[in-house]
Protein backbone atom coordinates (compact mmCIF):
# COMPACT_ATOMS: atom_id res chain seq x y z
CA MET A 1 18.05 4.00 5.14
CA SER A 2 18.54 0.23 3.69
CA ASP A 3 18.82 -0.86 0.81
CA ARG A 4 17.31 -4.08 1.02
CA GLY A 5 14.02 -3.02 2.75
CA VAL A 6 10.92 -3.00 0.75
CA CYS A 7 9.39 0.37 0.55
CA ILE A 8 5.43 0.47 1.06
CA LEU A 9 3.36 3.44 0.30
CA VAL A 10 0.62 3.30 2.69
CA VAL A 11 -2.55 5.77 1.49
CA ASP A 12 -5.41 6.31 3.73
CA ASP A 13 -7.13 9.62 4.84
CA GLU A 14 -7.27 8.69 8.48
CA PRO A 15 -4.43 10.28 10.48
CA ASP A 16 -4.29 7.07 13.03
CA MET A 17 -3.76 4.94 10.52
CA ALA A 18 0.10 6.07 9.68
CA ASP A 19 0.43 6.06 13.32
CA LEU A 20 -0.76 2.43 13.57
CA PHE A 21 1.11 1.07 10.99
CA ARG A 22 4.36 2.79 12.39
CA GLN A 23 3.55 1.06 15.64
CA ARG A 24 2.73 -2.69 13.80
CA PHE A 25 5.83 -2.37 11.59
CA ARG A 26 8.32 -0.92 13.97
CA ARG A 27 10.42 -3.98 14.47
CA GLU A 28 10.84 -4.66 10.85
CA VAL A 29 11.57 -0.78 10.06
CA ARG A 30 13.96 -1.20 12.62
CA GLU A 31 15.50 -4.35 11.21
CA GLY A 32 15.31 -2.88 7.54
CA THR A 33 12.59 -5.49 6.05
CA TYR A 34 10.32 -2.75 5.30
CA MET A 35 10.62 0.96 4.67
CA LEU A 36 7.02 2.92 5.43
CA GLN A 37 5.69 6.09 3.21
CA PHE A 38 2.51 8.05 3.87
CA ALA A 39 0.56 9.54 1.87
CA ALA A 40 -3.01 10.91 3.22
CA SER A 41 -5.13 11.28 -0.28
CA ALA A 42 -4.81 9.30 -3.54
CA GLU A 43 -3.76 12.53 -5.12
CA ALA A 44 -0.70 12.90 -2.77
CA ALA A 45 0.07 9.66 -3.35
CA LEU A 46 0.27 10.14 -7.28
CA ASP A 47 2.22 13.42 -6.48
CA HIS A 48 4.84 10.98 -4.24
CA LEU A 49 4.91 8.29 -6.90
CA ARG A 50 5.55 11.04 -9.93
CA SER A 51 8.29 12.81 -7.71
CA ASP A 52 9.98 10.82 -5.45
CA ALA A 53 13.05 8.65 -7.27
CA ARG A 54 15.03 8.43 -4.39
CA HIS A 55 13.01 6.08 -2.52
CA ASP A 56 10.33 4.37 -4.86
CA PRO A 57 7.67 1.99 -3.80
CA MET A 58 8.00 -1.57 -4.48
CA LEU A 59 4.39 -1.86 -3.26
CA VAL A 60 0.90 0.70 -2.36
CA LEU A 61 -1.62 -0.11 0.02
CA SER A 62 -4.48 1.75 -0.14
CA ASP A 63 -7.95 2.42 1.54
CA VAL A 64 -10.72 2.12 -0.91
CA ASN A 65 -12.67 4.72 0.62
CA MET A 66 -11.42 8.50 0.68
CA PRO A 67 -12.46 11.69 -0.23
CA GLY A 68 -11.06 13.44 -3.70
CA ILE A 69 -9.95 10.27 -6.07
CA ASP A 70 -10.92 6.98 -4.39
CA GLY A 71 -8.50 3.73 -3.91
CA LEU A 72 -10.39 2.29 -6.79
CA ALA A 73 -9.38 4.83 -9.10
CA LEU A 74 -6.11 5.45 -7.63
CA LEU A 75 -5.39 1.40 -8.39
CA GLN A 76 -6.61 2.05 -11.89
CA ALA A 77 -4.14 5.33 -12.46
CA ILE A 78 -1.02 3.08 -10.67
CA HIS A 79 -1.70 0.13 -12.98
CA HIS A 80 -1.99 2.66 -16.02
CA GLU A 81 1.04 4.79 -15.04
CA TRP A 82 3.35 1.74 -13.41
CA PRO A 83 1.69 -1.30 -14.31
CA GLY A 84 4.44 -3.67 -12.35
CA LEU A 85 3.55 -2.02 -9.08
CA PRO A 86 1.44 -4.09 -6.67
CA VAL A 87 -1.60 -3.02 -5.22
CA MET A 88 -3.08 -4.15 -1.89
CA MET A 89 -6.66 -2.72 -1.07
CA VAL A 90 -7.99 -1.83 2.06
CA THR A 91 -11.11 -1.21 3.08
CA ALA A 92 -14.04 -1.26 5.97
CA TYR A 93 -16.73 -2.04 3.94
CA GLY A 94 -15.63 -5.45 2.23
CA ASP A 95 -18.48 -5.82 0.15
CA ASP A 96 -18.24 -8.38 -2.98
CA GLU A 97 -18.43 -5.41 -5.78
CA ARG A 98 -15.69 -3.78 -4.45
CA ARG A 99 -14.05 -6.73 -4.80
CA ARG A 100 -14.91 -7.58 -7.64
CA GLN A 101 -13.72 -3.98 -9.02
CA ALA A 102 -10.45 -4.19 -7.37
CA ALA A 103 -9.84 -7.60 -8.67
CA ALA A 104 -10.47 -6.26 -12.21
CA LEU A 105 -8.20 -3.41 -11.99
CA GLY A 106 -5.43 -5.70 -10.94
CA ALA A 107 -5.38 -4.94 -7.19
CA ALA A 108 -3.17 -7.99 -5.71
CA ASP A 109 -5.06 -8.28 -2.65
CA PHE A 110 -8.17 -7.12 -0.98
CA LEU A 111 -8.46 -6.73 3.18
CA GLY A 112 -10.86 -5.63 5.64
CA LYS A 113 -10.94 -3.40 8.64
CA PRO A 114 -9.70 -3.58 11.25
CA VAL A 115 -6.42 -4.35 9.22
CA ASP A 116 -5.04 -8.22 10.61
CA PHE A 117 -1.82 -7.06 10.70
CA ASP A 118 -0.15 -11.11 11.21
CA HIS A 119 -1.77 -11.66 8.03
CA LEU A 120 -1.04 -9.01 6.17
CA LYS A 121 2.73 -9.31 6.93
CA ARG A 122 2.18 -12.99 5.41
CA ARG A 123 0.54 -11.31 2.32
CA LEU A 124 3.51 -8.64 1.76
CA ARG A 125 6.10 -11.83 2.26
CA ASP A 126 3.76 -13.42 -0.79
CA ILE A 127 3.50 -9.96 -2.80
CA ALA A 128 6.33 -7.49 -2.23
CA PRO A 129 9.33 -7.80 -4.36
CA ARG A 130 12.67 -8.96 -2.84
CA GLY A 131 15.34 -6.87 -2.16
CA PRO A 132 19.01 -7.94 -3.08
CA SER A 133 19.41 -9.68 0.36
CA ALA A 134 16.02 -11.76 0.30
């Protein structure tokens, strides 16, 4: 484990998204730039944030459309309990109303699916807090 890596919690109910993120961030994880954690629901993400003190996420990347608590409600809950934690929203449905809602709730960014990983990595460099070696 690297003390300098930025820990990102990826929240998405589609299991293949975790595999895709592992694949697309393989080099960055190996180099210690990022540490990835995954939650398959908003409820699991909140449980993780409330209980995992060892590797507190420094950024959350959440899908908008999920069963149960959706991503916008998760965003609202995160900003209520952890006001300084940046949250980026990802959705296959990038309509203007969802963008407005996400922005009003404090989203750091709003990305469409399929995820443009080059763009995402650039945004992460802009948004994610820096570790000690940055």
